[in-house]
């Protein structure tokens, strides 16, 4: 995973404009913990939300007051994006990451509230410790949730089962799971897709629905919900929600593709980079490579170098 880092070692902060607010996210790419870096999938995720927030499923009117839990929050970008759309968010990670996560939440929440006199759309966001599979941590965040979100939370196959079990524990019968993911290992990717297909109604979000600039062939966004048999089990365990918001207006399987930005399930065969290579070559030649593009192609170069053996 070290070779897949997308920020240079001397970058201590990332700035990103979302919904009229400039977010400042502190990070520490030199940390031994992967959660202290702002990965590009989280940028693609929040920019997708921004593009689709005016109508449909991800509009502010639909998301206002929804309960959201972010898994593997890291620097907290995805969770802050959901809070800007009116959701009440709990961003979670391991205890080692919490100081940086809390710092980003506090600073950006303060900036947002100070910069906008009419914050009727802003929800709330708080940080909490959650080790996947830890029942005490899961109970403490008070499931179920309307949305479970995560970006770049899987980079090794040993994380797949703990993540799955944690999602099961946090989900209600109508919970929607939204994931952003960058392919770094085709083996892990294939195992992950097989696991999702076995347990969820899986839909891929087409690139045409993403921000024109903030997208890349190796970064995919998914929406999914529980298969009917698992949903029935959840419904049986939740005869009433005891005050929790435990059902969304519509499930992933109810979504109309052209309205909500969700594609039918497709085969994810790998990374197609040829056209992008030509574009970056021309951009470098003309001196027109911006920050996002240089980060993306720096990452691609790192993946290539990972396979080079110097003798």
C-alpha atoms as a PDB file:
ATOM      1  CA  UNK A   1       0.000   0.000   0.000  1.00  0.00           C
ATOM      2  CA  UNK A   2       2.956   2.338   0.541  1.00  0.00           C
ATOM      3  CA  UNK A   3       3.502   2.600  -3.209  1.00  0.00           C
ATOM      4  CA  UNK A   4      -0.133   3.551  -3.695  1.00  0.00           C
ATOM      5  CA  UNK A   5       0.077   6.736  -1.647  1.00  0.00           C
ATOM      6  CA  UNK A   6      -1.122   9.664  -3.638  1.00  0.00           C
ATOM      7  CA  UNK A   7       0.268  12.589  -1.632  1.00  0.00           C
ATOM      8  CA  UNK A   8       3.870  13.643  -1.530  1.00  0.00           C
ATOM      9  CA  UNK A   9       5.722  13.174   1.722  1.00  0.00           C
ATOM     10  CA  UNK A  10       5.894  16.924   2.391  1.00  0.00           C
ATOM     11  CA  UNK A  11       2.149  17.561   2.016  1.00  0.00           C
ATOM     12  CA  UNK A  12       0.583  18.265   5.394  1.00  0.00           C
ATOM     13  CA  UNK A  13      -2.825  19.480   4.244  1.00  0.00           C
ATOM     14  CA  UNK A  14      -5.323  19.105   1.417  1.00  0.00           C
ATOM     15  CA  UNK A  15      -7.800  21.818   0.411  1.00  0.00           C
ATOM     16  CA  UNK A  16     -10.976  20.977  -1.480  1.00  0.00           C
ATOM     17  CA  UNK A  17     -14.007  23.103  -2.400  1.00  0.00           C
ATOM     18  CA  UNK A  18     -17.280  21.327  -1.588  1.00  0.00           C
ATOM     19  CA  UNK A  19     -20.757  22.872  -1.735  1.00  0.00           C
ATOM     20  CA  UNK A  20     -19.394  26.391  -1.527  1.00  0.00           C
ATOM     21  CA  UNK A  21     -17.031  25.674   1.361  1.00  0.00           C
ATOM     22  CA  UNK A  22     -13.278  25.208   1.197  1.00  0.00           C
ATOM     23  CA  UNK A  23     -12.373  22.279   3.409  1.00  0.00           C
ATOM     24  CA  UNK A  24      -8.908  22.160   4.979  1.00  0.00           C
ATOM     25  CA  UNK A  25      -7.873  18.622   5.868  1.00  0.00           C
ATOM     26  CA  UNK A  26      -4.720  18.011   7.843  1.00  0.00           C
ATOM     27  CA  UNK A  27      -2.927  14.788   7.034  1.00  0.00           C
ATOM     28  CA  UNK A  28       0.287  12.955   7.757  1.00  0.00           C
ATOM     29  CA  UNK A  29       1.432  10.829   4.790  1.00  0.00           C
ATOM     30  CA  UNK A  30       4.595   9.908   6.704  1.00  0.00           C
ATOM     31  CA  UNK A  31       2.625   8.250   9.481  1.00  0.00           C
ATOM     32  CA  UNK A  32       2.821   4.477   9.832  1.00  0.00           C
ATOM     33  CA  UNK A  33      -0.995   4.394   9.801  1.00  0.00           C
ATOM     34  CA  UNK A  34      -2.728   4.497   6.409  1.00  0.00           C
ATOM     35  CA  UNK A  35      -5.701   6.362   7.857  1.00  0.00           C
ATOM     36  CA  UNK A  36      -3.788   9.619   8.170  1.00  0.00           C
ATOM     37  CA  UNK A  37      -3.740  10.316   4.418  1.00  0.00           C
ATOM     38  CA  UNK A  38      -6.535  11.816   2.303  1.00  0.00           C
ATOM     39  CA  UNK A  39      -6.965   9.188  -0.391  1.00  0.00           C
ATOM     40  CA  UNK A  40      -8.331  10.146  -3.790  1.00  0.00           C
ATOM     41  CA  UNK A  41     -11.409   7.896  -3.570  1.00  0.00           C
ATOM     42  CA  UNK A  42     -12.772  10.140  -0.821  1.00  0.00           C
ATOM     43  CA  UNK A  43     -12.435  13.161  -3.125  1.00  0.00           C
ATOM     44  CA  UNK A  44     -14.268  11.352  -5.915  1.00  0.00           C
ATOM     45  CA  UNK A  45     -16.962  10.380  -3.397  1.00  0.00           C
ATOM     46  CA  UNK A  46     -17.684  13.878  -2.053  1.00  0.00           C
ATOM     47  CA  UNK A  47     -17.533  15.435  -5.505  1.00  0.00           C
ATOM     48  CA  UNK A  48     -20.082  12.843  -6.661  1.00  0.00           C
ATOM     49  CA  UNK A  49     -22.357  13.864  -3.777  1.00  0.00           C
ATOM     50  CA  UNK A  50     -21.920  17.518  -4.695  1.00  0.00           C
ATOM     51  CA  UNK A  51     -22.858  16.893  -8.324  1.00  0.00           C
ATOM     52  CA  UNK A  52     -25.990  14.918  -7.405  1.00  0.00           C
ATOM     53  CA  UNK A  53     -27.243  16.924  -4.419  1.00  0.00           C
ATOM     54  CA  UNK A  54     -29.724  19.135  -6.237  1.00  0.00           C
ATOM     55  CA  UNK A  55     -32.351  16.461  -6.911  1.00  0.00           C
ATOM     56  CA  UNK A  56     -32.966  12.773  -6.470  1.00  0.00           C
ATOM     57  CA  UNK A  57     -31.813  10.425  -3.772  1.00  0.00           C
ATOM     58  CA  UNK A  58     -28.847  12.514  -2.628  1.00  0.00           C
ATOM     59  CA  UNK A  59     -30.625  15.853  -2.513  1.00  0.00           C
ATOM     60  CA  UNK A  60     -30.446  17.851   0.700  1.00  0.00           C
ATOM     61  CA  UNK A  61     -34.203  17.495   1.147  1.00  0.00           C
ATOM     62  CA  UNK A  62     -33.892  13.702   1.099  1.00  0.00           C
ATOM     63  CA  UNK A  63     -30.752  13.487   3.267  1.00  0.00           C
ATOM     64  CA  UNK A  64     -31.654  16.002   5.971  1.00  0.00           C
ATOM     65  CA  UNK A  65     -31.581  14.268   9.363  1.00  0.00           C
ATOM     66  CA  UNK A  66     -30.462  10.879   8.055  1.00  0.00           C
ATOM     67  CA  UNK A  67     -28.138   8.934  10.333  1.00  0.00           C
ATOM     68  CA  UNK A  68     -24.802   8.086   8.721  1.00  0.00           C
ATOM     69  CA  UNK A  69     -21.818   6.131   9.982  1.00  0.00           C
ATOM     70  CA  UNK A  70     -18.462   6.383   8.233  1.00  0.00           C
ATOM     71  CA  UNK A  71     -16.142   3.390   8.526  1.00  0.00           C
ATOM     72  CA  UNK A  72     -12.387   3.834   8.299  1.00  0.00           C
ATOM     73  CA  UNK A  73     -12.936   7.589   8.205  1.00  0.00           C
ATOM     74  CA  UNK A  74      -9.250   8.510   8.275  1.00  0.00           C
ATOM     75  CA  UNK A  75      -9.066  12.276   7.749  1.00  0.00           C
ATOM     76  CA  UNK A  76     -12.874  12.511   7.641  1.00  0.00           C
ATOM     77  CA  UNK A  77     -13.549  13.987   4.196  1.00  0.00           C
ATOM     78  CA  UNK A  78     -16.468  11.719   3.213  1.00  0.00           C
ATOM     79  CA  UNK A  79     -18.233  12.196   6.533  1.00  0.00           C
ATOM     80  CA  UNK A  80     -17.892  15.983   6.387  1.00  0.00           C
ATOM     81  CA  UNK A  81     -19.393  15.874   2.894  1.00  0.00           C
ATOM     82  CA  UNK A  82     -22.448  13.994   4.176  1.00  0.00           C
ATOM     83  CA  UNK A  83     -22.826  16.451   7.079  1.00  0.00           C
ATOM     84  CA  UNK A  84     -22.828  19.335   4.582  1.00  0.00           C
ATOM     85  CA  UNK A  85     -25.866  17.675   2.994  1.00  0.00           C
ATOM     86  CA  UNK A  86     -27.737  17.657   6.300  1.00  0.00           C
ATOM     87  CA  UNK A  87     -26.891  14.211   7.658  1.00  0.00           C
ATOM     88  CA  UNK A  88     -26.056  13.410  11.263  1.00  0.00           C
ATOM     89  CA  UNK A  89     -22.734  11.624  10.899  1.00  0.00           C
ATOM     90  CA  UNK A  90     -20.565   9.496  13.159  1.00  0.00           C
ATOM     91  CA  UNK A  91     -17.085   9.162  11.639  1.00  0.00           C
ATOM     92  CA  UNK A  92     -15.206   6.186  13.024  1.00  0.00           C
ATOM     93  CA  UNK A  93     -11.713   4.784  12.926  1.00  0.00           C
ATOM     94  CA  UNK A  94      -9.098   3.135  15.120  1.00  0.00           C
ATOM     95  CA  UNK A  95      -7.926   4.951  18.218  1.00  0.00           C
ATOM     96  CA  UNK A  96      -4.565   5.907  16.661  1.00  0.00           C
ATOM     97  CA  UNK A  97      -6.320   7.928  13.958  1.00  0.00           C
ATOM     98  CA  UNK A  98      -8.896   9.666  16.165  1.00  0.00           C
ATOM     99  CA  UNK A  99      -6.784  12.730  17.129  1.00  0.00           C
ATOM    100  CA  UNK A 100      -6.296  13.734  13.485  1.00  0.00           C
ATOM    101  CA  UNK A 101      -9.902  12.874  12.597  1.00  0.00           C
ATOM    102  CA  UNK A 102     -11.279  14.938  15.499  1.00  0.00           C
ATOM    103  CA  UNK A 103      -9.009  17.829  14.601  1.00  0.00           C
ATOM    104  CA  UNK A 104     -10.286  17.883  11.017  1.00  0.00           C
ATOM    105  CA  UNK A 105     -13.909  17.627  12.127  1.00  0.00           C
ATOM    106  CA  UNK A 106     -13.616  20.424  14.690  1.00  0.00           C
ATOM    107  CA  UNK A 107     -11.692  22.827  12.447  1.00  0.00           C
ATOM    108  CA  UNK A 108     -13.877  22.342   9.385  1.00  0.00           C
ATOM    109  CA  UNK A 109     -17.137  22.434  11.315  1.00  0.00           C
ATOM    110  CA  UNK A 110     -16.043  25.697  12.901  1.00  0.00           C
ATOM    111  CA  UNK A 111     -15.069  27.172   9.526  1.00  0.00           C
ATOM    112  CA  UNK A 112     -18.357  26.083   7.934  1.00  0.00           C
ATOM    113  CA  UNK A 113     -20.504  27.524  10.704  1.00  0.00           C
ATOM    114  CA  UNK A 114     -18.591  30.803  10.742  1.00  0.00           C
ATOM    115  CA  UNK A 115     -18.678  31.262   6.974  1.00  0.00           C
ATOM    116  CA  UNK A 116     -22.394  30.659   6.458  1.00  0.00           C
ATOM    117  CA  UNK A 117     -25.050  32.563   8.367  1.00  0.00           C
ATOM    118  CA  UNK A 118     -27.784  30.226   7.110  1.00  0.00           C
ATOM    119  CA  UNK A 119     -26.648  26.725   7.994  1.00  0.00           C
ATOM    120  CA  UNK A 120     -30.083  25.117   7.930  1.00  0.00           C
ATOM    121  CA  UNK A 121     -28.698  22.372   5.672  1.00  0.00           C
ATOM    122  CA  UNK A 122     -25.697  21.454   7.831  1.00  0.00           C
ATOM    123  CA  UNK A 123     -26.267  18.382   9.960  1.00  0.00           C
ATOM    124  CA  UNK A 124     -23.769  17.228  12.562  1.00  0.00           C
ATOM    125  CA  UNK A 125     -20.585  15.172  12.697  1.00  0.00           C
ATOM    126  CA  UNK A 126     -18.769  13.511  15.566  1.00  0.00           C
ATOM    127  CA  UNK A 127     -15.885  11.060  15.837  1.00  0.00           C
ATOM    128  CA  UNK A 128     -15.897   7.696  17.598  1.00  0.00           C
ATOM    129  CA  UNK A 129     -13.601   4.713  17.956  1.00  0.00           C
ATOM    130  CA  UNK A 130     -14.712   1.612  16.095  1.00  0.00           C
ATOM    131  CA  UNK A 131     -12.548  -1.443  15.583  1.00  0.00           C
ATOM    132  CA  UNK A 132     -14.320  -3.673  13.099  1.00  0.00           C
ATOM    133  CA  UNK A 133     -15.958  -6.585  14.862  1.00  0.00           C
ATOM    134  CA  UNK A 134     -15.762  -4.997  18.321  1.00  0.00           C
ATOM    135  CA  UNK A 135     -19.267  -5.437  19.719  1.00  0.00           C
ATOM    136  CA  UNK A 136     -18.820  -2.829  22.451  1.00  0.00           C
ATOM    137  CA  UNK A 137     -17.800  -0.207  19.893  1.00  0.00           C
ATOM    138  CA  UNK A 138     -20.702  -1.167  17.628  1.00  0.00           C
ATOM    139  CA  UNK A 139     -23.221  -0.967  20.465  1.00  0.00           C
ATOM    140  CA  UNK A 140     -21.875   2.427  21.540  1.00  0.00           C
ATOM    141  CA  UNK A 141     -22.677   4.068  18.185  1.00  0.00           C
ATOM    142  CA  UNK A 142     -26.322   2.944  18.468  1.00  0.00           C
ATOM    143  CA  UNK A 143     -27.186   1.190  15.192  1.00  0.00           C
ATOM    144  CA  UNK A 144     -28.997   0.913  12.821  1.00  0.00           C
ATOM    145  CA  UNK A 145     -28.090   3.669  10.374  1.00  0.00           C
ATOM    146  CA  UNK A 146     -29.709   5.005   7.228  1.00  0.00           C
ATOM    147  CA  UNK A 147     -26.353   5.073   5.442  1.00  0.00           C
ATOM    148  CA  UNK A 148     -23.039   3.300   5.959  1.00  0.00           C
ATOM    149  CA  UNK A 149     -20.223   4.939   4.001  1.00  0.00           C
ATOM    150  CA  UNK A 150     -16.549   4.263   3.470  1.00  0.00           C
ATOM    151  CA  UNK A 151     -13.758   5.153   1.057  1.00  0.00           C
ATOM    152  CA  UNK A 152     -10.634   3.078   0.464  1.00  0.00           C
ATOM    153  CA  UNK A 153     -11.370   0.883   3.464  1.00  0.00           C
ATOM    154  CA  UNK A 154     -10.182  -2.372   1.878  1.00  0.00           C
ATOM    155  CA  UNK A 155      -6.579  -2.921   0.852  1.00  0.00           C
ATOM    156  CA  UNK A 156      -6.004  -6.484   2.115  1.00  0.00           C
ATOM    157  CA  UNK A 157      -8.110  -9.640   2.026  1.00  0.00           C
ATOM    158  CA  UNK A 158      -7.871 -10.129   5.804  1.00  0.00           C
ATOM    159  CA  UNK A 159     -10.051  -7.006   6.232  1.00  0.00           C
ATOM    160  CA  UNK A 160     -12.944  -8.286   4.136  1.00  0.00           C
ATOM    161  CA  UNK A 161     -14.706 -10.498   6.680  1.00  0.00           C
ATOM    162  CA  UNK A 162     -14.394  -8.073   9.643  1.00  0.00           C
ATOM    163  CA  UNK A 163     -15.772  -5.300   7.418  1.00  0.00           C
ATOM    164  CA  UNK A 164     -18.678  -7.477   6.289  1.00  0.00           C
ATOM    165  CA  UNK A 165     -19.595  -8.491   9.833  1.00  0.00           C
ATOM    166  CA  UNK A 166     -19.410  -4.882  10.999  1.00  0.00           C
ATOM    167  CA  UNK A 167     -21.682  -3.719   8.185  1.00  0.00           C
ATOM    168  CA  UNK A 168     -24.185  -6.438   9.116  1.00  0.00           C
ATOM    169  CA  UNK A 169     -24.143  -5.275  12.730  1.00  0.00           C
ATOM    170  CA  UNK A 170     -24.636  -1.604  11.813  1.00  0.00           C
ATOM    171  CA  UNK A 171     -27.271  -2.034   9.111  1.00  0.00           C
ATOM    172  CA  UNK A 172     -31.034  -2.050   9.325  1.00  0.00           C
ATOM    173  CA  UNK A 173     -33.403  -3.603   6.777  1.00  0.00           C
ATOM    174  CA  UNK A 174     -33.334  -0.474   4.597  1.00  0.00           C
ATOM    175  CA  UNK A 175     -29.774   0.748   5.115  1.00  0.00           C
ATOM    176  CA  UNK A 176     -27.875   1.938   2.046  1.00  0.00           C
ATOM    177  CA  UNK A 177     -24.129   1.288   1.879  1.00  0.00           C
ATOM    178  CA  UNK A 178     -22.029   3.695  -0.202  1.00  0.00           C
ATOM    179  CA  UNK A 179     -18.400   2.813  -0.890  1.00  0.00           C
ATOM    180  CA  UNK A 180     -15.605   4.488  -2.828  1.00  0.00           C
ATOM    181  CA  UNK A 181     -12.691   2.285  -3.764  1.00  0.00           C
ATOM    182  CA  UNK A 182      -9.463   2.427  -5.759  1.00  0.00           C
ATOM    183  CA  UNK A 183      -8.282  -0.789  -7.347  1.00  0.00           C
ATOM    184  CA  UNK A 184      -4.753  -1.598  -6.215  1.00  0.00           C
ATOM    185  CA  UNK A 185      -4.887  -5.390  -6.158  1.00  0.00           C
ATOM    186  CA  UNK A 186      -7.063  -7.218  -8.667  1.00  0.00           C
ATOM    187  CA  UNK A 187      -7.099 -10.280  -6.404  1.00  0.00           C
ATOM    188  CA  UNK A 188      -8.455  -8.335  -3.419  1.00  0.00           C
ATOM    189  CA  UNK A 189     -10.816  -6.437  -5.698  1.00  0.00           C
ATOM    190  CA  UNK A 190     -12.285  -9.637  -7.153  1.00  0.00           C
ATOM    191  CA  UNK A 191     -12.732 -11.164  -3.692  1.00  0.00           C
ATOM    192  CA  UNK A 192     -14.411  -8.002  -2.477  1.00  0.00           C
ATOM    193  CA  UNK A 193     -16.837  -7.896  -5.427  1.00  0.00           C
ATOM    194  CA  UNK A 194     -17.718 -11.569  -4.941  1.00  0.00           C
ATOM    195  CA  UNK A 195     -18.413 -10.930  -1.259  1.00  0.00           C
ATOM    196  CA  UNK A 196     -20.611  -7.914  -1.985  1.00  0.00           C
ATOM    197  CA  UNK A 197     -22.563  -9.813  -4.662  1.00  0.00           C
ATOM    198  CA  UNK A 198     -23.205 -12.726  -2.295  1.00  0.00           C
ATOM    199  CA  UNK A 199     -24.711 -10.554   0.415  1.00  0.00           C
ATOM    200  CA  UNK A 200     -25.965  -7.330  -1.173  1.00  0.00           C
ATOM    201  CA  UNK A 201     -27.795  -5.888  -4.131  1.00  0.00           C
ATOM    202  CA  UNK A 202     -24.761  -4.279  -5.733  1.00  0.00           C
ATOM    203  CA  UNK A 203     -24.909  -1.347  -8.129  1.00  0.00           C
ATOM    204  CA  UNK A 204     -21.983   0.511  -9.649  1.00  0.00           C
ATOM    205  CA  UNK A 205     -22.158   4.263 -10.090  1.00  0.00           C
ATOM    206  CA  UNK A 206     -21.300   5.259 -13.665  1.00  0.00           C
ATOM    207  CA  UNK A 207     -18.527   7.742 -14.332  1.00  0.00           C
ATOM    208  CA  UNK A 208     -21.018   9.898 -16.229  1.00  0.00           C
ATOM    209  CA  UNK A 209     -22.660  10.656 -12.871  1.00  0.00           C
ATOM    210  CA  UNK A 210     -19.372  11.636 -11.229  1.00  0.00           C
ATOM    211  CA  UNK A 211     -17.709  15.038 -11.270  1.00  0.00           C
ATOM    212  CA  UNK A 212     -16.107  15.600 -14.666  1.00  0.00           C
ATOM    213  CA  UNK A 213     -12.703  16.299 -13.138  1.00  0.00           C
ATOM    214  CA  UNK A 214     -12.735  14.175  -9.992  1.00  0.00           C
ATOM    215  CA  UNK A 215     -12.906  10.694 -11.449  1.00  0.00           C
ATOM    216  CA  UNK A 216     -10.503   8.058 -12.680  1.00  0.00           C
ATOM    217  CA  UNK A 217     -10.839   4.561 -14.244  1.00  0.00           C
ATOM    218  CA  UNK A 218      -9.231   2.910 -11.224  1.00  0.00           C
ATOM    219  CA  UNK A 219     -11.626   4.558  -8.745  1.00  0.00           C
ATOM    220  CA  UNK A 220     -15.088   3.063  -8.478  1.00  0.00           C
ATOM    221  CA  UNK A 221     -18.142   4.014  -6.435  1.00  0.00           C
ATOM    222  CA  UNK A 222     -20.698   1.437  -5.324  1.00  0.00           C
ATOM    223  CA  UNK A 223     -24.146   1.563  -3.757  1.00  0.00           C
ATOM    224  CA  UNK A 224     -25.685  -1.516  -2.182  1.00  0.00           C
ATOM    225  CA  UNK A 225     -28.238  -2.788   0.276  1.00  0.00           C
ATOM    226  CA  UNK A 226     -29.047  -6.113   1.913  1.00  0.00           C
ATOM    227  CA  UNK A 227     -30.452  -8.944  -0.163  1.00  0.00           C
ATOM    228  CA  UNK A 228     -34.084  -9.757   0.593  1.00  0.00           C
ATOM    229  CA  UNK A 229     -33.330 -12.762   2.825  1.00  0.00           C
ATOM    230  CA  UNK A 230     -30.981 -10.715   5.007  1.00  0.00           C
ATOM    231  CA  UNK A 231     -33.392  -7.795   4.991  1.00  0.00           C
ATOM    232  CA  UNK A 232     -36.134 -10.088   6.288  1.00  0.00           C
ATOM    233  CA  UNK A 233     -33.873 -11.237   9.107  1.00  0.00           C
ATOM    234  CA  UNK A 234     -33.131  -7.615  10.004  1.00  0.00           C
ATOM    235  CA  UNK A 235     -36.818  -6.759   9.951  1.00  0.00           C
ATOM    236  CA  UNK A 236     -37.516  -9.625  12.307  1.00  0.00           C
ATOM    237  CA  UNK A 237     -34.861  -8.383  14.712  1.00  0.00           C
ATOM    238  CA  UNK A 238     -36.151  -4.805  14.532  1.00  0.00           C
ATOM    239  CA  UNK A 239     -39.866  -4.954  15.206  1.00  0.00           C
ATOM    240  CA  UNK A 240     -39.570  -1.286  16.000  1.00  0.00           C
ATOM    241  CA  UNK A 241     -36.679   1.133  15.768  1.00  0.00           C
ATOM    242  CA  UNK A 242     -37.016   2.504  19.286  1.00  0.00           C
ATOM    243  CA  UNK A 243     -36.558   6.077  18.132  1.00  0.00           C
ATOM    244  CA  UNK A 244     -33.774   5.414  15.641  1.00  0.00           C
ATOM    245  CA  UNK A 245     -34.090   6.399  12.013  1.00  0.00           C
ATOM    246  CA  UNK A 246     -33.835   2.951  10.501  1.00  0.00           C
ATOM    247  CA  UNK A 247     -35.344   3.091   7.043  1.00  0.00           C
ATOM    248  CA  UNK A 248     -34.651   5.133   3.938  1.00  0.00           C
ATOM    249  CA  UNK A 249     -37.393   6.114   1.529  1.00  0.00           C
ATOM    250  CA  UNK A 250     -36.028   3.775  -1.119  1.00  0.00           C
ATOM    251  CA  UNK A 251     -33.531   0.957  -1.338  1.00  0.00           C
ATOM    252  CA  UNK A 252     -30.742   0.555  -3.867  1.00  0.00           C
ATOM    253  CA  UNK A 253     -32.845  -2.003  -5.727  1.00  0.00           C
ATOM    254  CA  UNK A 254     -35.643   0.601  -5.993  1.00  0.00           C
ATOM    255  CA  UNK A 255     -33.433   3.181  -7.691  1.00  0.00           C
ATOM    256  CA  UNK A 256     -34.090   4.217 -11.271  1.00  0.00           C
ATOM    257  CA  UNK A 257     -30.728   4.246 -13.000  1.00  0.00           C
ATOM    258  CA  UNK A 258     -31.112   7.417 -15.043  1.00  0.00           C
ATOM    259  CA  UNK A 259     -32.489   9.430 -12.118  1.00  0.00           C
ATOM    260  CA  UNK A 260     -30.241   8.432  -9.252  1.00  0.00           C
ATOM    261  CA  UNK A 261     -26.898   7.821 -10.893  1.00  0.00           C
ATOM    262  CA  UNK A 262     -26.730   4.068 -10.281  1.00  0.00           C
ATOM    263  CA  UNK A 263     -25.887   1.547 -12.998  1.00  0.00           C
ATOM    264  CA  UNK A 264     -26.967  -2.039 -13.233  1.00  0.00           C
ATOM    265  CA  UNK A 265     -24.428  -4.491 -11.839  1.00  0.00           C
ATOM    266  CA  UNK A 266     -21.489  -4.918 -14.168  1.00  0.00           C
ATOM    267  CA  UNK A 267     -18.294  -6.917 -14.360  1.00  0.00           C
ATOM    268  CA  UNK A 268     -15.307  -4.965 -13.052  1.00  0.00           C
ATOM    269  CA  UNK A 269     -12.451  -6.260 -15.120  1.00  0.00           C
ATOM    270  CA  UNK A 270      -9.586  -3.998 -14.110  1.00  0.00           C
ATOM    271  CA  UNK A 271      -7.922  -0.727 -14.936  1.00  0.00           C
ATOM    272  CA  UNK A 272      -8.031   0.835 -18.395  1.00  0.00           C
ATOM    273  CA  UNK A 273      -5.349   3.481 -18.531  1.00  0.00           C
ATOM    274  CA  UNK A 274      -4.302   3.791 -22.183  1.00  0.00           C
ATOM    275  CA  UNK A 275      -6.330   6.894 -23.070  1.00  0.00           C
ATOM    276  CA  UNK A 276      -5.278   8.556 -19.823  1.00  0.00           C
ATOM    277  CA  UNK A 277      -1.612   7.890 -20.592  1.00  0.00           C
ATOM    278  CA  UNK A 278      -1.956   9.722 -23.903  1.00  0.00           C
ATOM    279  CA  UNK A 279      -3.763  12.622 -22.213  1.00  0.00           C
ATOM    280  CA  UNK A 280      -1.133  13.021 -19.522  1.00  0.00           C
ATOM    281  CA  UNK A 281       1.694  12.883 -22.080  1.00  0.00           C
ATOM    282  CA  UNK A 282       0.098  15.724 -24.028  1.00  0.00           C
ATOM    283  CA  UNK A 283      -0.664  17.653 -20.836  1.00  0.00           C
ATOM    284  CA  UNK A 284       2.936  17.437 -19.647  1.00  0.00           C
ATOM    285  CA  UNK A 285       4.193  18.485 -23.070  1.00  0.00           C
ATOM    286  CA  UNK A 286       1.887  21.529 -23.040  1.00  0.00           C
ATOM    287  CA  UNK A 287       2.530  22.339 -19.367  1.00  0.00           C
ATOM    288  CA  UNK A 288      -1.170  21.982 -18.460  1.00  0.00           C
ATOM    289  CA  UNK A 289      -1.145  19.260 -15.823  1.00  0.00           C
ATOM    290  CA  UNK A 290      -3.055  20.446 -12.741  1.00  0.00           C
ATOM    291  CA  UNK A 291      -2.812  19.216  -9.152  1.00  0.00           C
ATOM    292  CA  UNK A 292      -5.449  16.485  -9.346  1.00  0.00           C
ATOM    293  CA  UNK A 293      -4.070  15.095 -12.618  1.00  0.00           C
ATOM    294  CA  UNK A 294      -0.483  15.100 -11.369  1.00  0.00           C
ATOM    295  CA  UNK A 295      -1.603  13.243  -8.227  1.00  0.00           C
ATOM    296  CA  UNK A 296      -3.489  10.663 -10.270  1.00  0.00           C
ATOM    297  CA  UNK A 297      -0.660   9.975 -12.686  1.00  0.00           C
ATOM    298  CA  UNK A 298       1.881  10.016  -9.895  1.00  0.00           C
ATOM    299  CA  UNK A 299      -0.141   7.232  -8.327  1.00  0.00           C
ATOM    300  CA  UNK A 300      -0.198   5.312 -11.609  1.00  0.00           C
ATOM    301  CA  UNK A 301       3.575   5.664 -11.906  1.00  0.00           C
ATOM    302  CA  UNK A 302       3.942   4.325  -8.374  1.00  0.00           C
ATOM    303  CA  UNK A 303       1.874   1.267  -9.244  1.00  0.00           C
ATOM    304  CA  UNK A 304       4.073   0.624 -12.286  1.00  0.00           C
ATOM    305  CA  UNK A 305       7.285   1.014 -10.298  1.00  0.00           C
ATOM    306  CA  UNK A 306       5.971  -1.419  -7.702  1.00  0.00           C
ATOM    307  CA  UNK A 307       6.398  -4.188 -10.253  1.00  0.00           C
ATOM    308  CA  UNK A 308       9.869  -3.117 -11.411  1.00  0.00           C
ATOM    309  CA  UNK A 309      12.770  -5.106  -9.991  1.00  0.00           C
ATOM    310  CA  UNK A 310      16.176  -3.493 -10.154  1.00  0.00           C
ATOM    311  CA  UNK A 311      19.015  -5.993 -10.462  1.00  0.00           C
END
